[in-house]
Amino acid sequence: MSDLDAQPPAPDPSTTDERVRTHLGWAVAVSVLCFLPLGLVALAYGLRASSLAARGDLDRARRASRAARRWIIATAVVGLLVNAALATVLALMGAFSG
């Protein structure tokens, strides 16, 4: 086997500048402020991304990070829709008339 056929060594995860965004802060925020059930799923994916990145499994950590971001967006949308529906029902019932 010649030197041209040799594969370069895999980069050490601790020395690479690539960071995986875990979105944990946003996951906690949408869990508390928007819709708890979906927010907990986002939080679980964020924690999974964090642990996978710490182990050096950057590919799977990126996938978990993307899943966390999708769940965060879904949580925010569902939370806004639920709150808007609740406000509409309360307004129709006269809860805001003073």
PDB file of N, CA and C in Angstrom:
ATOM      1  N   MET A   1       0.843  -1.157   0.000  1.00  0.00           N
ATOM      2  CA  MET A   1       0.000   0.000   0.000  1.00  0.00           C
ATOM      3  C   MET A   1       0.899   1.233   0.000  1.00  0.00           C
ATOM      4  N   SER A   2       0.624   2.157  -0.906  1.00  0.00           N
ATOM      5  CA  SER A   2       1.460   3.345  -1.009  1.00  0.00           C
ATOM      6  C   SER A   2       0.938   4.440  -0.088  1.00  0.00           C
ATOM      7  N   ASP A   3       1.735   5.500   0.028  1.00  0.00           N
ATOM      8  CA  ASP A   3       1.330   6.632   0.873  1.00  0.00           C
ATOM      9  C   ASP A   3       0.119   7.356   0.305  1.00  0.00           C
ATOM     10  N   LEU A   4      -0.112   7.251  -1.002  1.00  0.00           N
ATOM     11  CA  LEU A   4      -1.251   7.923  -1.610  1.00  0.00           C
ATOM     12  C   LEU A   4      -2.565   7.239  -1.257  1.00  0.00           C
ATOM     13  N   ASP A   5      -2.507   5.943  -0.974  1.00  0.00           N
ATOM     14  CA  ASP A   5      -3.711   5.197  -0.642  1.00  0.00           C
ATOM     15  C   ASP A   5      -4.087   5.300   0.831  1.00  0.00           C
ATOM     16  N   ALA A   6      -3.188   5.777   1.640  1.00  0.00           N
ATOM     17  CA  ALA A   6      -3.444   5.824   3.082  1.00  0.00           C
ATOM     18  C   ALA A   6      -4.502   6.885   3.391  1.00  0.00           C
ATOM     19  N   GLN A   7      -5.391   6.525   4.280  1.00  0.00           N
ATOM     20  CA  GLN A   7      -6.433   7.448   4.712  1.00  0.00           C
ATOM     21  C   GLN A   7      -5.868   8.380   5.784  1.00  0.00           C
ATOM     22  N   PRO A   8      -6.263   9.652   5.766  1.00  0.00           N
ATOM     23  CA  PRO A   8      -5.797  10.537   6.836  1.00  0.00           C
ATOM     24  C   PRO A   8      -6.448  10.137   8.154  1.00  0.00           C
ATOM     25  N   PRO A   9      -5.764  10.376   9.241  1.00  0.00           N
ATOM     26  CA  PRO A   9      -6.351  10.000  10.528  1.00  0.00           C
ATOM     27  C   PRO A   9      -7.588  10.844  10.814  1.00  0.00           C
ATOM     28  N   ALA A  10      -8.524  10.243  11.525  1.00  0.00           N
ATOM     29  CA  ALA A  10      -9.742  10.960  11.902  1.00  0.00           C
ATOM     30  C   ALA A  10      -9.380  12.058  12.893  1.00  0.00           C
ATOM     31  N   PRO A  11     -10.010  13.230  12.752  1.00  0.00           N
ATOM     32  CA  PRO A  11      -9.682  14.313  13.686  1.00  0.00           C
ATOM     33  C   PRO A  11     -10.165  13.994  15.094  1.00  0.00           C
ATOM     34  N   ASP A  12      -9.395  14.431  16.045  1.00  0.00           N
ATOM     35  CA  ASP A  12      -9.746  14.242  17.442  1.00  0.00           C
ATOM     36  C   ASP A  12     -10.894  15.190  17.782  1.00  0.00           C
ATOM     37  N   PRO A  13     -12.041  14.683  18.278  1.00  0.00           N
ATOM     38  CA  PRO A  13     -13.182  15.545  18.550  1.00  0.00           C
ATOM     39  C   PRO A  13     -12.884  16.653  19.552  1.00  0.00           C
ATOM     40  N   SER A  14     -11.934  16.416  20.439  1.00  0.00           N
ATOM     41  CA  SER A  14     -11.641  17.438  21.450  1.00  0.00           C
ATOM     42  C   SER A  14     -10.845  18.598  20.876  1.00  0.00           C
ATOM     43  N   THR A  15     -10.227  18.405  19.707  1.00  0.00           N
ATOM     44  CA  THR A  15      -9.421  19.479  19.133  1.00  0.00           C
ATOM     45  C   THR A  15     -10.101  20.168  17.961  1.00  0.00           C
ATOM     46  N   THR A  16     -11.240  19.684  17.520  1.00  0.00           N
ATOM     47  CA  THR A  16     -11.917  20.329  16.401  1.00  0.00           C
ATOM     48  C   THR A  16     -12.658  21.564  16.880  1.00  0.00           C
ATOM     49  N   ASP A  17     -12.821  22.515  15.984  1.00  0.00           N
ATOM     50  CA  ASP A  17     -13.526  23.742  16.324  1.00  0.00           C
ATOM     51  C   ASP A  17     -15.022  23.614  16.113  1.00  0.00           C
ATOM     52  N   GLU A  18     -15.454  22.469  15.619  1.00  0.00           N
ATOM     53  CA  GLU A  18     -16.868  22.291  15.363  1.00  0.00           C
ATOM     54  C   GLU A  18     -17.611  22.086  16.673  1.00  0.00           C
ATOM     55  N   ARG A  19     -18.631  22.882  16.853  1.00  0.00           N
ATOM     56  CA  ARG A  19     -19.481  22.722  18.033  1.00  0.00           C
ATOM     57  C   ARG A  19     -20.878  22.395  17.561  1.00  0.00           C
ATOM     58  N   VAL A  20     -21.518  21.552  18.307  1.00  0.00           N
ATOM     59  CA  VAL A  20     -22.886  21.171  17.993  1.00  0.00           C
ATOM     60  C   VAL A  20     -23.796  21.990  18.897  1.00  0.00           C
ATOM     61  N   ARG A  21     -24.719  22.706  18.289  1.00  0.00           N
ATOM     62  CA  ARG A  21     -25.678  23.479  19.080  1.00  0.00           C
ATOM     63  C   ARG A  21     -26.704  22.522  19.663  1.00  0.00           C
ATOM     64  N   THR A  22     -26.877  22.583  20.963  1.00  0.00           N
ATOM     65  CA  THR A  22     -27.808  21.667  21.614  1.00  0.00           C
ATOM     66  C   THR A  22     -29.201  22.266  21.756  1.00  0.00           C
ATOM     67  N   HIS A  23     -29.334  23.576  21.686  1.00  0.00           N
ATOM     68  CA  HIS A  23     -30.619  24.277  21.789  1.00  0.00           C
ATOM     69  C   HIS A  23     -31.300  24.043  23.136  1.00  0.00           C
ATOM     70  N   LEU A  24     -30.521  23.758  24.163  1.00  0.00           N
ATOM     71  CA  LEU A  24     -31.123  23.462  25.468  1.00  0.00           C
ATOM     72  C   LEU A  24     -31.840  24.673  26.065  1.00  0.00           C
ATOM     73  N   GLY A  25     -31.268  25.839  25.906  1.00  0.00           N
ATOM     74  CA  GLY A  25     -31.908  27.040  26.445  1.00  0.00           C
ATOM     75  C   GLY A  25     -33.276  27.288  25.835  1.00  0.00           C
ATOM     76  N   TRP A  26     -33.343  27.168  24.505  1.00  0.00           N
ATOM     77  CA  TRP A  26     -34.633  27.350  23.823  1.00  0.00           C
ATOM     78  C   TRP A  26     -35.609  26.246  24.199  1.00  0.00           C
ATOM     79  N   ALA A  27     -35.106  25.030  24.363  1.00  0.00           N
ATOM     80  CA  ALA A  27     -35.994  23.919  24.736  1.00  0.00           C
ATOM     81  C   ALA A  27     -36.615  24.158  26.109  1.00  0.00           C
ATOM     82  N   VAL A  28     -35.832  24.646  27.043  1.00  0.00           N
ATOM     83  CA  VAL A  28     -36.365  24.946  28.377  1.00  0.00           C
ATOM     84  C   VAL A  28     -37.375  26.090  28.275  1.00  0.00           C
ATOM     85  N   ALA A  29     -37.041  27.120  27.490  1.00  0.00           N
ATOM     86  CA  ALA A  29     -37.925  28.283  27.378  1.00  0.00           C
ATOM     87  C   ALA A  29     -39.282  27.908  26.788  1.00  0.00           C
ATOM     88  N   VAL A  30     -39.291  27.136  25.688  1.00  0.00           N
ATOM     89  CA  VAL A  30     -40.584  26.780  25.095  1.00  0.00           C
ATOM     90  C   VAL A  30     -41.338  25.778  25.960  1.00  0.00           C
ATOM     91  N   SER A  31     -40.611  24.968  26.726  1.00  0.00           N
ATOM     92  CA  SER A  31     -41.293  24.052  27.651  1.00  0.00           C
ATOM     93  C   SER A  31     -42.051  24.827  28.707  1.00  0.00           C
ATOM     94  N   VAL A  32     -41.425  25.848  29.237  1.00  0.00           N
ATOM     95  CA  VAL A  32     -42.036  26.625  30.315  1.00  0.00           C
ATOM     96  C   VAL A  32     -43.091  27.580  29.775  1.00  0.00           C
ATOM     97  N   LEU A  33     -42.803  28.238  28.654  1.00  0.00           N
ATOM     98  CA  LEU A  33     -43.656  29.322  28.184  1.00  0.00           C
ATOM     99  C   LEU A  33     -44.727  28.919  27.174  1.00  0.00           C
ATOM    100  N   CYS A  34     -44.518  27.834  26.451  1.00  0.00           N
ATOM    101  CA  CYS A  34     -45.439  27.533  25.350  1.00  0.00           C
ATOM    102  C   CYS A  34     -46.299  26.297  25.605  1.00  0.00           C
ATOM    103  N   PHE A  35     -45.707  25.128  25.500  1.00  0.00           N
ATOM    104  CA  PHE A  35     -46.502  23.901  25.574  1.00  0.00           C
ATOM    105  C   PHE A  35     -45.620  22.795  26.127  1.00  0.00           C
ATOM    106  N   LEU A  36     -45.824  22.456  27.376  1.00  0.00           N
ATOM    107  CA  LEU A  36     -44.940  21.551  28.107  1.00  0.00           C
ATOM    108  C   LEU A  36     -44.736  20.180  27.456  1.00  0.00           C
ATOM    109  N   PRO A  37     -45.777  19.476  27.000  1.00  0.00           N
ATOM    110  CA  PRO A  37     -45.528  18.118  26.479  1.00  0.00           C
ATOM    111  C   PRO A  37     -44.549  18.077  25.309  1.00  0.00           C
ATOM    112  N   LEU A  38     -44.719  18.946  24.334  1.00  0.00           N
ATOM    113  CA  LEU A  38     -43.797  18.952  23.203  1.00  0.00           C
ATOM    114  C   LEU A  38     -42.446  19.534  23.594  1.00  0.00           C
ATOM    115  N   GLY A  39     -42.445  20.465  24.522  1.00  0.00           N
ATOM    116  CA  GLY A  39     -41.196  21.050  24.989  1.00  0.00           C
ATOM    117  C   GLY A  39     -40.296  20.026  25.655  1.00  0.00           C
ATOM    118  N   LEU A  40     -40.900  19.067  26.338  1.00  0.00           N
ATOM    119  CA  LEU A  40     -40.100  18.019  26.969  1.00  0.00           C
ATOM    120  C   LEU A  40     -39.416  17.132  25.929  1.00  0.00           C
ATOM    121  N   VAL A  41     -40.076  16.931  24.802  1.00  0.00           N
ATOM    122  CA  VAL A  41     -39.449  16.155  23.719  1.00  0.00           C
ATOM    123  C   VAL A  41     -38.257  16.932  23.170  1.00  0.00           C
ATOM    124  N   ALA A  42     -38.430  18.242  22.973  1.00  0.00           N
ATOM    125  CA  ALA A  42     -37.327  19.088  22.500  1.00  0.00           C
ATOM    126  C   ALA A  42     -36.178  19.058  23.496  1.00  0.00           C
ATOM    127  N   LEU A  43     -36.498  19.104  24.770  1.00  0.00           N
ATOM    128  CA  LEU A  43     -35.474  19.057  25.808  1.00  0.00           C
ATOM    129  C   LEU A  43     -34.720  17.723  25.783  1.00  0.00           C
ATOM    130  N   ALA A  44     -35.440  16.640  25.572  1.00  0.00           N
ATOM    131  CA  ALA A  44     -34.793  15.322  25.510  1.00  0.00           C
ATOM    132  C   ALA A  44     -33.818  15.244  24.340  1.00  0.00           C
ATOM    133  N   TYR A  45     -34.218  15.762  23.182  1.00  0.00           N
ATOM    134  CA  TYR A  45     -33.310  15.758  22.036  1.00  0.00           C
ATOM    135  C   TYR A  45     -32.119  16.681  22.259  1.00  0.00           C
ATOM    136  N   GLY A  46     -32.336  17.804  22.929  1.00  0.00           N
ATOM    137  CA  GLY A  46     -31.225  18.693  23.244  1.00  0.00           C
ATOM    138  C   GLY A  46     -30.222  18.039  24.177  1.00  0.00           C
ATOM    139  N   LEU A  47     -30.716  17.332  25.180  1.00  0.00           N
ATOM    140  CA  LEU A  47     -29.831  16.611  26.094  1.00  0.00           C
ATOM    141  C   LEU A  47     -29.096  15.483  25.389  1.00  0.00           C
ATOM    142  N   ARG A  48     -29.791  14.822  24.470  1.00  0.00           N
ATOM    143  CA  ARG A  48     -29.142  13.759  23.698  1.00  0.00           C
ATOM    144  C   ARG A  48     -28.021  14.327  22.830  1.00  0.00           C
ATOM    145  N   ALA A  49     -28.276  15.488  22.207  1.00  0.00           N
ATOM    146  CA  ALA A  49     -27.247  16.131  21.384  1.00  0.00           C
ATOM    147  C   ALA A  49     -26.042  16.506  22.234  1.00  0.00           C
ATOM    148  N   SER A  50     -26.301  16.983  23.433  1.00  0.00           N
ATOM    149  CA  SER A  50     -25.215  17.363  24.327  1.00  0.00           C
ATOM    150  C   SER A  50     -24.361  16.159  24.720  1.00  0.00           C
ATOM    151  N   SER A  51     -25.014  15.059  25.084  1.00  0.00           N
ATOM    152  CA  SER A  51     -24.236  13.886  25.510  1.00  0.00           C
ATOM    153  C   SER A  51     -23.494  13.248  24.338  1.00  0.00           C
ATOM    154  N   LEU A  52     -24.116  13.237  23.158  1.00  0.00           N
ATOM    155  CA  LEU A  52     -23.433  12.676  21.989  1.00  0.00           C
ATOM    156  C   LEU A  52     -22.231  13.529  21.581  1.00  0.00           C
ATOM    157  N   ALA A  53     -22.369  14.836  21.671  1.00  0.00           N
ATOM    158  CA  ALA A  53     -21.248  15.717  21.338  1.00  0.00           C
ATOM    159  C   ALA A  53     -20.118  15.546  22.345  1.00  0.00           C
ATOM    160  N   ALA A  54     -20.462  15.344  23.605  1.00  0.00           N
ATOM    161  CA  ALA A  54     -19.435  15.144  24.632  1.00  0.00           C
ATOM    162  C   ALA A  54     -18.667  13.843  24.405  1.00  0.00           C
ATOM    163  N   ARG A  55     -19.344  12.844  23.839  1.00  0.00           N
ATOM    164  CA  ARG A  55     -18.679  11.570  23.543  1.00  0.00           C
ATOM    165  C   ARG A  55     -17.910  11.604  22.233  1.00  0.00           C
ATOM    166  N   GLY A  56     -18.098  12.680  21.456  1.00  0.00           N
ATOM    167  CA  GLY A  56     -17.378  12.801  20.188  1.00  0.00           C
ATOM    168  C   GLY A  56     -18.142  12.281  18.992  1.00  0.00           C
ATOM    169  N   ASP A  57     -19.369  11.859  19.175  1.00  0.00           N
ATOM    170  CA  ASP A  57     -20.190  11.370  18.068  1.00  0.00           C
ATOM    171  C   ASP A  57     -20.915  12.569  17.436  1.00  0.00           C
ATOM    172  N   LEU A  58     -20.155  13.341  16.658  1.00  0.00           N
ATOM    173  CA  LEU A  58     -20.663  14.614  16.151  1.00  0.00           C
ATOM    174  C   LEU A  58     -21.768  14.443  15.117  1.00  0.00           C
ATOM    175  N   ASP A  59     -21.710  13.393  14.328  1.00  0.00           N
ATOM    176  CA  ASP A  59     -22.734  13.203  13.296  1.00  0.00           C
ATOM    177  C   ASP A  59     -24.107  12.963  13.943  1.00  0.00           C
ATOM    178  N   ARG A  60     -24.151  12.040  14.889  1.00  0.00           N
ATOM    179  CA  ARG A  60     -25.424  11.781  15.580  1.00  0.00           C
ATOM    180  C   ARG A  60     -25.838  12.964  16.447  1.00  0.00           C
ATOM    181  N   ALA A  61     -24.869  13.690  16.996  1.00  0.00           N
ATOM    182  CA  ALA A  61     -25.188  14.875  17.796  1.00  0.00           C
ATOM    183  C   ALA A  61     -25.834  15.945  16.926  1.00  0.00           C
ATOM    184  N   ARG A  62     -25.352  16.117  15.697  1.00  0.00           N
ATOM    185  CA  ARG A  62     -25.962  17.093  14.785  1.00  0.00           C
ATOM    186  C   ARG A  62     -27.392  16.695  14.431  1.00  0.00           C
ATOM    187  N   ARG A  63     -27.611  15.395  14.224  1.00  0.00           N
ATOM    188  CA  ARG A  63     -28.975  14.936  13.933  1.00  0.00           C
ATOM    189  C   ARG A  63     -29.905  15.180  15.114  1.00  0.00           C
ATOM    190  N   ALA A  64     -29.441  14.915  16.319  1.00  0.00           N
ATOM    191  CA  ALA A  64     -30.253  15.169  17.502  1.00  0.00           C
ATOM    192  C   ALA A  64     -30.498  16.669  17.677  1.00  0.00           C
ATOM    193  N   SER A  65     -29.513  17.478  17.333  1.00  0.00           N
ATOM    194  CA  SER A  65     -29.657  18.927  17.420  1.00  0.00           C
ATOM    195  C   SER A  65     -30.718  19.430  16.444  1.00  0.00           C
ATOM    196  N   ARG A  66     -30.697  18.906  15.223  1.00  0.00           N
ATOM    197  CA  ARG A  66     -31.727  19.295  14.242  1.00  0.00           C
ATOM    198  C   ARG A  66     -33.116  18.854  14.707  1.00  0.00           C
ATOM    199  N   ALA A  67     -33.203  17.669  15.291  1.00  0.00           N
ATOM    200  CA  ALA A  67     -34.494  17.196  15.807  1.00  0.00           C
ATOM    201  C   ALA A  67     -34.966  18.095  16.956  1.00  0.00           C
ATOM    202  N   ALA A  68     -34.055  18.496  17.814  1.00  0.00           N
ATOM    203  CA  ALA A  68     -34.423  19.396  18.909  1.00  0.00           C
ATOM    204  C   ALA A  68     -34.948  20.714  18.359  1.00  0.00           C
ATOM    205  N   ARG A  69     -34.281  21.246  17.338  1.00  0.00           N
ATOM    206  CA  ARG A  69     -34.732  22.513  16.737  1.00  0.00           C
ATOM    207  C   ARG A  69     -36.122  22.366  16.132  1.00  0.00           C
ATOM    208  N   ARG A  70     -36.384  21.252  15.450  1.00  0.00           N
ATOM    209  CA  ARG A  70     -37.717  21.029  14.879  1.00  0.00           C
ATOM    210  C   ARG A  70     -38.782  20.944  15.969  1.00  0.00           C
ATOM    211  N   TRP A  71     -38.475  20.254  17.066  1.00  0.00           N
ATOM    212  CA  TRP A  71     -39.433  20.145  18.163  1.00  0.00           C
ATOM    213  C   TRP A  71     -39.640  21.481  18.856  1.00  0.00           C
ATOM    214  N   ILE A  72     -38.610  22.298  18.936  1.00  0.00           N
ATOM    215  CA  ILE A  72     -38.744  23.638  19.519  1.00  0.00           C
ATOM    216  C   ILE A  72     -39.697  24.477  18.686  1.00  0.00           C
ATOM    217  N   ILE A  73     -39.533  24.443  17.377  1.00  0.00           N
ATOM    218  CA  ILE A  73     -40.423  25.200  16.491  1.00  0.00           C
ATOM    219  C   ILE A  73     -41.849  24.687  16.607  1.00  0.00           C
ATOM    220  N   ALA A  74     -42.019  23.366  16.608  1.00  0.00           N
ATOM    221  CA  ALA A  74     -43.361  22.790  16.741  1.00  0.00           C
ATOM    222  C   ALA A  74     -43.993  23.178  18.074  1.00  0.00           C
ATOM    223  N   THR A  75     -43.205  23.182  19.131  1.00  0.00           N
ATOM    224  CA  THR A  75     -43.714  23.551  20.454  1.00  0.00           C
ATOM    225  C   THR A  75     -44.172  25.001  20.470  1.00  0.00           C
ATOM    226  N   ALA A  76     -43.382  25.876  19.874  1.00  0.00           N
ATOM    227  CA  ALA A  76     -43.752  27.296  19.844  1.00  0.00           C
ATOM    228  C   ALA A  76     -45.028  27.511  19.037  1.00  0.00           C
ATOM    229  N   VAL A  77     -45.141  26.852  17.895  1.00  0.00           N
ATOM    230  CA  VAL A  77     -46.336  27.011  17.059  1.00  0.00           C
ATOM    231  C   VAL A  77     -47.572  26.478  17.775  1.00  0.00           C
ATOM    232  N   VAL A  78     -47.474  25.275  18.325  1.00  0.00           N
ATOM    233  CA  VAL A  78     -48.615  24.692  19.028  1.00  0.00           C
ATOM    234  C   VAL A  78     -48.980  25.534  20.243  1.00  0.00           C
ATOM    235  N   GLY A  79     -47.990  26.012  20.971  1.00  0.00           N
ATOM    236  CA  GLY A  79     -48.261  26.855  22.129  1.00  0.00           C
ATOM    237  C   GLY A  79     -48.988  28.130  21.761  1.00  0.00           C
ATOM    238  N   LEU A  80     -48.554  28.773  20.667  1.00  0.00           N
ATOM    239  CA  LEU A  80     -49.236  29.986  20.218  1.00  0.00           C
ATOM    240  C   LEU A  80     -50.668  29.695  19.785  1.00  0.00           C
ATOM    241  N   LEU A  81     -50.865  28.600  19.077  1.00  0.00           N
ATOM    242  CA  LEU A  81     -52.212  28.246  18.639  1.00  0.00           C
ATOM    243  C   LEU A  81     -53.130  27.917  19.815  1.00  0.00           C
ATOM    244  N   VAL A  82     -52.620  27.178  20.781  1.00  0.00           N
ATOM    245  CA  VAL A  82     -53.422  26.826  21.956  1.00  0.00           C
ATOM    246  C   VAL A  82     -53.769  28.079  22.755  1.00  0.00           C
ATOM    247  N   ASN A  83     -52.807  28.954  22.947  1.00  0.00           N
ATOM    248  CA  ASN A  83     -53.078  30.188  23.697  1.00  0.00           C
ATOM    249  C   ASN A  83     -54.048  31.095  22.949  1.00  0.00           C
ATOM    250  N   ALA A  84     -53.921  31.163  21.627  1.00  0.00           N
ATOM    251  CA  ALA A  84     -54.855  31.976  20.842  1.00  0.00           C
ATOM    252  C   ALA A  84     -56.265  31.398  20.911  1.00  0.00           C
ATOM    253  N   ALA A  85     -56.379  30.081  20.822  1.00  0.00           N
ATOM    254  CA  ALA A  85     -57.698  29.444  20.913  1.00  0.00           C
ATOM    255  C   ALA A  85     -58.309  29.663  22.292  1.00  0.00           C
ATOM    256  N   LEU A  86     -57.509  29.551  23.321  1.00  0.00           N
ATOM    257  CA  LEU A  86     -58.000  29.771  24.679  1.00  0.00           C
ATOM    258  C   LEU A  86     -58.466  31.217  24.869  1.00  0.00           C
ATOM    259  N   ALA A  87     -57.690  32.165  24.374  1.00  0.00           N
ATOM    260  CA  ALA A  87     -58.074  33.581  24.491  1.00  0.00           C
ATOM    261  C   ALA A  87     -59.358  33.859  23.711  1.00  0.00           C
ATOM    262  N   THR A  88     -59.505  33.224  22.552  1.00  0.00           N
ATOM    263  CA  THR A  88     -60.720  33.404  21.750  1.00  0.00           C
ATOM    264  C   THR A  88     -61.935  32.857  22.490  1.00  0.00           C
ATOM    265  N   VAL A  89     -61.828  31.669  23.023  1.00  0.00           N
ATOM    266  CA  VAL A  89     -62.947  31.068  23.760  1.00  0.00           C
ATOM    267  C   VAL A  89     -63.309  31.912  24.963  1.00  0.00           C
ATOM    268  N   LEU A  90     -62.309  32.379  25.702  1.00  0.00           N
ATOM    269  CA  LEU A  90     -62.585  33.210  26.868  1.00  0.00           C
ATOM    270  C   LEU A  90     -63.225  34.548  26.465  1.00  0.00           C
ATOM    271  N   ALA A  91     -62.782  35.110  25.341  1.00  0.00           N
ATOM    272  CA  ALA A  91     -63.380  36.369  24.874  1.00  0.00           C
ATOM    273  C   ALA A  91     -64.823  36.162  24.452  1.00  0.00           C
ATOM    274  N   LEU A  92     -65.112  35.043  23.798  1.00  0.00           N
ATOM    275  CA  LEU A  92     -66.491  34.754  23.388  1.00  0.00           C
ATOM    276  C   LEU A  92     -67.400  34.496  24.582  1.00  0.00           C
ATOM    277  N   MET A  93     -66.834  34.015  25.648  1.00  0.00           N
ATOM    278  CA  MET A  93     -67.619  33.779  26.866  1.00  0.00           C
ATOM    279  C   MET A  93     -67.774  35.050  27.697  1.00  0.00           C
ATOM    280  N   GLY A  94     -67.110  36.115  27.308  1.00  0.00           N
ATOM    281  CA  GLY A  94     -67.228  37.381  28.013  1.00  0.00           C
ATOM    282  C   GLY A  94     -66.314  37.527  29.189  1.00  0.00           C
ATOM    283  N   ALA A  95     -65.257  36.765  29.233  1.00  0.00           N
ATOM    284  CA  ALA A  95     -64.345  36.805  30.370  1.00  0.00           C
ATOM    285  C   ALA A  95     -63.563  38.119  30.436  1.00  0.00           C
ATOM    286  N   PHE A  96     -63.422  38.803  29.317  1.00  0.00           N
ATOM    287  CA  PHE A  96     -62.627  40.036  29.293  1.00  0.00           C
ATOM    288  C   PHE A  96     -63.496  41.292  29.361  1.00  0.00           C
ATOM    289  N   SER A  97     -64.791  41.138  29.401  1.00  0.00           N
ATOM    290  CA  SER A  97     -65.658  42.326  29.485  1.00  0.00           C
ATOM    291  C   SER A  97     -65.762  42.735  30.959  1.00  0.00           C
ATOM    292  N   GLY A  98     -65.539  43.966  31.161  1.00  0.00           N
ATOM    293  CA  GLY A  98     -65.450  44.402  32.536  1.00  0.00           C
ATOM    294  C   GLY A  98     -66.634  45.067  33.013  1.00  0.00           C
TER     295      GLY A  98
END
